[in-house]
Amino acid sequence: MEGKKSKEAEQIKTPYFKPTATKLTDEQAKLKLLGHATMGDQGAKELLEMMFPEVPQKDSKGKKQSA
């Protein structure tokens, strides 16, 4: 009996909160997209290229490394 009561005590139900949508500002959306792109999300990188085609992309393969 003692083991059953302790399991019930651990499983206390939390109140339900209705999901809410928040609207991001333009700057917040750009920062979030940049964060995903820097973490390696290919879809985020492609979206950045479509949104900002004039920004030159950094290409580490094409640069020469100095000694």
PDB file of N, CA and C in Angstrom:
ATOM      1  N   MET A   1       0.813  -1.203   0.000  1.00  0.00           N
ATOM      2  CA  MET A   1       0.000   0.000   0.000  1.00  0.00           C
ATOM      3  C   MET A   1       0.852   1.261   0.000  1.00  0.00           C
ATOM      4  N   GLU A   2       1.957   1.219   0.695  1.00  0.00           N
ATOM      5  CA  GLU A   2       2.795   2.420   0.811  1.00  0.00           C
ATOM      6  C   GLU A   2       3.352   2.848  -0.541  1.00  0.00           C
ATOM      7  N   GLY A   3       3.765   1.888  -1.382  1.00  0.00           N
ATOM      8  CA  GLY A   3       4.316   2.195  -2.696  1.00  0.00           C
ATOM      9  C   GLY A   3       3.283   2.807  -3.624  1.00  0.00           C
ATOM     10  N   LYS A   4       2.047   2.373  -3.532  1.00  0.00           N
ATOM     11  CA  LYS A   4       0.988   2.894  -4.400  1.00  0.00           C
ATOM     12  C   LYS A   4       0.673   4.348  -4.066  1.00  0.00           C
ATOM     13  N   LYS A   5       0.663   4.708  -2.807  1.00  0.00           N
ATOM     14  CA  LYS A   5       0.358   6.085  -2.404  1.00  0.00           C
ATOM     15  C   LYS A   5       1.444   7.049  -2.866  1.00  0.00           C
ATOM     16  N   SER A   6       2.701   6.636  -2.821  1.00  0.00           N
ATOM     17  CA  SER A   6       3.783   7.520  -3.230  1.00  0.00           C
ATOM     18  C   SER A   6       3.754   7.772  -4.736  1.00  0.00           C
ATOM     19  N   LYS A   7       3.343   6.772  -5.522  1.00  0.00           N
ATOM     20  CA  LYS A   7       3.222   6.965  -6.964  1.00  0.00           C
ATOM     21  C   LYS A   7       2.103   7.944  -7.282  1.00  0.00           C
ATOM     22  N   GLU A   8       0.990   7.846  -6.568  1.00  0.00           N
ATOM     23  CA  GLU A   8      -0.127   8.755  -6.790  1.00  0.00           C
ATOM     24  C   GLU A   8       0.255  10.178  -6.408  1.00  0.00           C
ATOM     25  N   ALA A   9       1.030  10.333  -5.378  1.00  0.00           N
ATOM     26  CA  ALA A   9       1.443  11.659  -4.929  1.00  0.00           C
ATOM     27  C   ALA A   9       2.373  12.315  -5.947  1.00  0.00           C
ATOM     28  N   GLU A  10       3.167  11.516  -6.644  1.00  0.00           N
ATOM     29  CA  GLU A  10       4.084  12.052  -7.647  1.00  0.00           C
ATOM     30  C   GLU A  10       3.355  12.504  -8.906  1.00  0.00           C
ATOM     31  N   GLN A  11       2.187  11.936  -9.188  1.00  0.00           N
ATOM     32  CA  GLN A  11       1.459  12.224 -10.412  1.00  0.00           C
ATOM     33  C   GLN A  11       0.349  13.252 -10.181  1.00  0.00           C
ATOM     34  N   ILE A  12       0.693  14.360  -9.598  1.00  0.00           N
ATOM     35  CA  ILE A  12      -0.276  15.420  -9.373  1.00  0.00           C
ATOM     36  C   ILE A  12      -0.586  16.081 -10.707  1.00  0.00           C
ATOM     37  N   LYS A  13      -1.876  16.233 -11.003  1.00  0.00           N
ATOM     38  CA  LYS A  13      -2.276  16.835 -12.265  1.00  0.00           C
ATOM     39  C   LYS A  13      -2.067  18.345 -12.209  1.00  0.00           C
ATOM     40  N   THR A  14      -1.531  18.873 -13.287  1.00  0.00           N
ATOM     41  CA  THR A  14      -1.352  20.317 -13.395  1.00  0.00           C
ATOM     42  C   THR A  14      -2.551  20.899 -14.125  1.00  0.00           C
ATOM     43  N   PRO A  15      -2.895  22.136 -13.854  1.00  0.00           N
ATOM     44  CA  PRO A  15      -4.055  22.730 -14.535  1.00  0.00           C
ATOM     45  C   PRO A  15      -3.792  22.903 -16.026  1.00  0.00           C
ATOM     46  N   TYR A  16      -4.851  22.840 -16.821  1.00  0.00           N
ATOM     47  CA  TYR A  16      -4.758  22.983 -18.270  1.00  0.00           C
ATOM     48  C   TYR A  16      -4.709  24.459 -18.639  1.00  0.00           C
ATOM     49  N   PHE A  17      -3.773  24.809 -19.489  1.00  0.00           N
ATOM     50  CA  PHE A  17      -3.683  26.158 -20.015  1.00  0.00           C
ATOM     51  C   PHE A  17      -3.921  26.104 -21.510  1.00  0.00           C
ATOM     52  N   LYS A  18      -4.852  26.903 -21.988  1.00  0.00           N
ATOM     53  CA  LYS A  18      -5.186  26.948 -23.401  1.00  0.00           C
ATOM     54  C   LYS A  18      -3.971  27.433 -24.194  1.00  0.00           C
ATOM     55  N   PRO A  19      -3.618  26.773 -25.292  1.00  0.00           N
ATOM     56  CA  PRO A  19      -2.480  27.232 -26.098  1.00  0.00           C
ATOM     57  C   PRO A  19      -2.759  28.623 -26.669  1.00  0.00           C
ATOM     58  N   THR A  20      -1.735  29.439 -26.670  1.00  0.00           N
ATOM     59  CA  THR A  20      -1.892  30.781 -27.218  1.00  0.00           C
ATOM     60  C   THR A  20      -0.826  31.014 -28.277  1.00  0.00           C
ATOM     61  N   ALA A  21      -1.202  31.769 -29.280  1.00  0.00           N
ATOM     62  CA  ALA A  21      -0.263  32.120 -30.344  1.00  0.00           C
ATOM     63  C   ALA A  21       0.264  33.525 -30.061  1.00  0.00           C
ATOM     64  N   THR A  22       1.544  33.688 -30.234  1.00  0.00           N
ATOM     65  CA  THR A  22       2.134  35.010 -30.051  1.00  0.00           C
ATOM     66  C   THR A  22       2.652  35.502 -31.388  1.00  0.00           C
ATOM     67  N   LYS A  23       2.506  36.774 -31.623  1.00  0.00           N
ATOM     68  CA  LYS A  23       2.973  37.355 -32.872  1.00  0.00           C
ATOM     69  C   LYS A  23       4.361  37.945 -32.634  1.00  0.00           C
ATOM     70  N   LEU A  24       5.309  37.518 -33.461  1.00  0.00           N
ATOM     71  CA  LEU A  24       6.671  38.019 -33.359  1.00  0.00           C
ATOM     72  C   LEU A  24       6.803  39.315 -34.146  1.00  0.00           C
ATOM     73  N   THR A  25       7.686  40.172 -33.672  1.00  0.00           N
ATOM     74  CA  THR A  25       8.007  41.357 -34.454  1.00  0.00           C
ATOM     75  C   THR A  25       8.904  40.927 -35.606  1.00  0.00           C
ATOM     76  N   ASP A  26       9.091  41.795 -36.580  1.00  0.00           N
ATOM     77  CA  ASP A  26       9.959  41.458 -37.716  1.00  0.00           C
ATOM     78  C   ASP A  26      11.368  41.119 -37.245  1.00  0.00           C
ATOM     79  N   GLU A  27      11.872  41.906 -36.295  1.00  0.00           N
ATOM     80  CA  GLU A  27      13.232  41.686 -35.799  1.00  0.00           C
ATOM     81  C   GLU A  27      13.336  40.346 -35.053  1.00  0.00           C
ATOM     82  N   GLN A  28      12.340  40.015 -34.249  1.00  0.00           N
ATOM     83  CA  GLN A  28      12.349  38.745 -33.526  1.00  0.00           C
ATOM     84  C   GLN A  28      12.305  37.570 -34.495  1.00  0.00           C
ATOM     85  N   ALA A  29      11.506  37.700 -35.557  1.00  0.00           N
ATOM     86  CA  ALA A  29      11.404  36.627 -36.550  1.00  0.00           C
ATOM     87  C   ALA A  29      12.733  36.426 -37.269  1.00  0.00           C
ATOM     88  N   LYS A  30      13.401  37.534 -37.622  1.00  0.00           N
ATOM     89  CA  LYS A  30      14.703  37.422 -38.289  1.00  0.00           C
ATOM     90  C   LYS A  30      15.725  36.757 -37.381  1.00  0.00           C
ATOM     91  N   LEU A  31      15.739  37.143 -36.105  1.00  0.00           N
ATOM     92  CA  LEU A  31      16.695  36.547 -35.172  1.00  0.00           C
ATOM     93  C   LEU A  31      16.430  35.059 -34.971  1.00  0.00           C
ATOM     94  N   LYS A  32      15.174  34.687 -34.900  1.00  0.00           N
ATOM     95  CA  LYS A  32      14.823  33.278 -34.739  1.00  0.00           C
ATOM     96  C   LYS A  32      15.245  32.477 -35.974  1.00  0.00           C
ATOM     97  N   LEU A  33      15.010  33.044 -37.149  1.00  0.00           N
ATOM     98  CA  LEU A  33      15.402  32.387 -38.397  1.00  0.00           C
ATOM     99  C   LEU A  33      16.925  32.268 -38.489  1.00  0.00           C
ATOM    100  N   LEU A  34      17.635  33.311 -38.121  1.00  0.00           N
ATOM    101  CA  LEU A  34      19.098  33.260 -38.121  1.00  0.00           C
ATOM    102  C   LEU A  34      19.613  32.204 -37.153  1.00  0.00           C
ATOM    103  N   GLY A  35      18.967  32.094 -36.010  1.00  0.00           N
ATOM    104  CA  GLY A  35      19.361  31.081 -35.030  1.00  0.00           C
ATOM    105  C   GLY A  35      19.228  29.679 -35.590  1.00  0.00           C
ATOM    106  N   HIS A  36      18.132  29.420 -36.289  1.00  0.00           N
ATOM    107  CA  HIS A  36      17.941  28.096 -36.886  1.00  0.00           C
ATOM    108  C   HIS A  36      18.945  27.856 -38.012  1.00  0.00           C
ATOM    109  N   ALA A  37      19.216  28.887 -38.788  1.00  0.00           N
ATOM    110  CA  ALA A  37      20.156  28.738 -39.902  1.00  0.00           C
ATOM    111  C   ALA A  37      21.567  28.465 -39.395  1.00  0.00           C
ATOM    112  N   THR A  38      21.970  29.128 -38.323  1.00  0.00           N
ATOM    113  CA  THR A  38      23.322  28.916 -37.798  1.00  0.00           C
ATOM    114  C   THR A  38      23.464  27.554 -37.127  1.00  0.00           C
ATOM    115  N   MET A  39      22.348  26.965 -36.724  1.00  0.00           N
ATOM    116  CA  MET A  39      22.401  25.631 -36.115  1.00  0.00           C
ATOM    117  C   MET A  39      22.398  24.526 -37.168  1.00  0.00           C
ATOM    118  N   GLY A  40      22.328  24.913 -38.452  1.00  0.00           N
ATOM    119  CA  GLY A  40      22.441  23.920 -39.515  1.00  0.00           C
ATOM    120  C   GLY A  40      21.133  23.547 -40.180  1.00  0.00           C
ATOM    121  N   ASP A  41      20.059  24.262 -39.895  1.00  0.00           N
ATOM    122  CA  ASP A  41      18.766  23.963 -40.523  1.00  0.00           C
ATOM    123  C   ASP A  41      18.806  24.423 -41.974  1.00  0.00           C
ATOM    124  N   GLN A  42      18.808  23.459 -42.903  1.00  0.00           N
ATOM    125  CA  GLN A  42      18.945  23.774 -44.320  1.00  0.00           C
ATOM    126  C   GLN A  42      17.752  24.572 -44.826  1.00  0.00           C
ATOM    127  N   GLY A  43      16.558  24.269 -44.356  1.00  0.00           N
ATOM    128  CA  GLY A  43      15.367  25.008 -44.769  1.00  0.00           C
ATOM    129  C   GLY A  43      15.443  26.468 -44.362  1.00  0.00           C
ATOM    130  N   ALA A  44      15.965  26.735 -43.180  1.00  0.00           N
ATOM    131  CA  ALA A  44      16.120  28.111 -42.715  1.00  0.00           C
ATOM    132  C   ALA A  44      17.156  28.849 -43.556  1.00  0.00           C
ATOM    133  N   LYS A  45      18.219  28.157 -43.943  1.00  0.00           N
ATOM    134  CA  LYS A  45      19.244  28.773 -44.793  1.00  0.00           C
ATOM    135  C   LYS A  45      18.663  29.150 -46.156  1.00  0.00           C
ATOM    136  N   GLU A  46      17.865  28.240 -46.722  1.00  0.00           N
ATOM    137  CA  GLU A  46      17.258  28.512 -48.025  1.00  0.00           C
ATOM    138  C   GLU A  46      16.280  29.679 -47.936  1.00  0.00           C
ATOM    139  N   LEU A  47      15.523  29.751 -46.862  1.00  0.00           N
ATOM    140  CA  LEU A  47      14.575  30.847 -46.683  1.00  0.00           C
ATOM    141  C   LEU A  47      15.306  32.178 -46.550  1.00  0.00           C
ATOM    142  N   LEU A  48      16.425  32.186 -45.834  1.00  0.00           N
ATOM    143  CA  LEU A  48      17.227  33.409 -45.719  1.00  0.00           C
ATOM    144  C   LEU A  48      17.751  33.855 -47.079  1.00  0.00           C
ATOM    145  N   GLU A  49      18.185  32.892 -47.893  1.00  0.00           N
ATOM    146  CA  GLU A  49      18.685  33.228 -49.225  1.00  0.00           C
ATOM    147  C   GLU A  49      17.587  33.811 -50.100  1.00  0.00           C
ATOM    148  N   MET A  50      16.354  33.315 -49.947  1.00  0.00           N
ATOM    149  CA  MET A  50      15.239  33.855 -50.722  1.00  0.00           C
ATOM    150  C   MET A  50      14.841  35.247 -50.228  1.00  0.00           C
ATOM    151  N   MET A  51      14.884  35.450 -48.924  1.00  0.00           N
ATOM    152  CA  MET A  51      14.468  36.734 -48.352  1.00  0.00           C
ATOM    153  C   MET A  51      15.500  37.826 -48.579  1.00  0.00           C
ATOM    154  N   PHE A  52      16.769  37.469 -48.506  1.00  0.00           N
ATOM    155  CA  PHE A  52      17.853  38.440 -48.618  1.00  0.00           C
ATOM    156  C   PHE A  52      18.863  37.990 -49.668  1.00  0.00           C
ATOM    157  N   PRO A  53      18.505  38.030 -50.951  1.00  0.00           N
ATOM    158  CA  PRO A  53      19.421  37.541 -51.991  1.00  0.00           C
ATOM    159  C   PRO A  53      20.640  38.447 -52.181  1.00  0.00           C
ATOM    160  N   GLU A  54      20.541  39.718 -51.769  1.00  0.00           N
ATOM    161  CA  GLU A  54      21.647  40.644 -51.993  1.00  0.00           C
ATOM    162  C   GLU A  54      22.776  40.474 -50.981  1.00  0.00           C
ATOM    163  N   VAL A  55      22.534  39.780 -49.884  1.00  0.00           N
ATOM    164  CA  VAL A  55      23.559  39.592 -48.861  1.00  0.00           C
ATOM    165  C   VAL A  55      24.512  38.501 -49.324  1.00  0.00           C
ATOM    166  N   PRO A  56      25.814  38.816 -49.435  1.00  0.00           N
ATOM    167  CA  PRO A  56      26.764  37.774 -49.871  1.00  0.00           C
ATOM    168  C   PRO A  56      26.885  36.684 -48.812  1.00  0.00           C
ATOM    169  N   GLN A  57      26.893  35.447 -49.255  1.00  0.00           N
ATOM    170  CA  GLN A  57      27.007  34.311 -48.355  1.00  0.00           C
ATOM    171  C   GLN A  57      28.470  34.040 -48.063  1.00  0.00           C
ATOM    172  N   LYS A  58      28.766  33.709 -46.807  1.00  0.00           N
ATOM    173  CA  LYS A  58      30.134  33.377 -46.418  1.00  0.00           C
ATOM    174  C   LYS A  58      30.456  31.979 -46.917  1.00  0.00           C
ATOM    175  N   ASP A  59      31.551  31.860 -47.634  1.00  0.00           N
ATOM    176  CA  ASP A  59      31.976  30.559 -48.151  1.00  0.00           C
ATOM    177  C   ASP A  59      33.357  30.265 -47.607  1.00  0.00           C
ATOM    178  N   SER A  60      33.423  29.413 -46.610  1.00  0.00           N
ATOM    179  CA  SER A  60      34.710  29.104 -45.968  1.00  0.00           C
ATOM    180  C   SER A  60      35.586  28.228 -46.861  1.00  0.00           C
ATOM    181  N   LYS A  61      34.992  27.537 -47.837  1.00  0.00           N
ATOM    182  CA  LYS A  61      35.772  26.644 -48.705  1.00  0.00           C
ATOM    183  C   LYS A  61      36.589  27.442 -49.728  1.00  0.00           C
ATOM    184  N   GLY A  62      36.075  28.588 -50.183  1.00  0.00           N
ATOM    185  CA  GLY A  62      36.718  29.350 -51.224  1.00  0.00           C
ATOM    186  C   GLY A  62      37.833  30.262 -50.718  1.00  0.00           C
ATOM    187  N   LYS A  63      37.874  30.512 -49.424  1.00  0.00           N
ATOM    188  CA  LYS A  63      38.883  31.423 -48.889  1.00  0.00           C
ATOM    189  C   LYS A  63      40.189  30.695 -48.628  1.00  0.00           C
ATOM    190  N   LYS A  64      41.271  31.421 -48.837  1.00  0.00           N
ATOM    191  CA  LYS A  64      42.577  30.867 -48.525  1.00  0.00           C
ATOM    192  C   LYS A  64      42.888  31.150 -47.068  1.00  0.00           C
ATOM    193  N   GLN A  65      43.448  30.173 -46.401  1.00  0.00           N
ATOM    194  CA  GLN A  65      43.806  30.349 -44.999  1.00  0.00           C
ATOM    195  C   GLN A  65      45.241  30.845 -44.908  1.00  0.00           C
ATOM    196  N   SER A  66      45.446  31.870 -44.100  1.00  0.00           N
ATOM    197  CA  SER A  66      46.807  32.385 -43.931  1.00  0.00           C
ATOM    198  C   SER A  66      47.513  31.617 -42.817  1.00  0.00           C
ATOM    199  N   ALA A  67      48.806  31.500 -42.940  1.00  0.00           N
ATOM    200  CA  ALA A  67      49.575  30.717 -41.976  1.00  0.00           C
ATOM    201  C   ALA A  67      49.930  31.465 -40.789  1.00  0.00           C
TER     202      ALA A  67
END
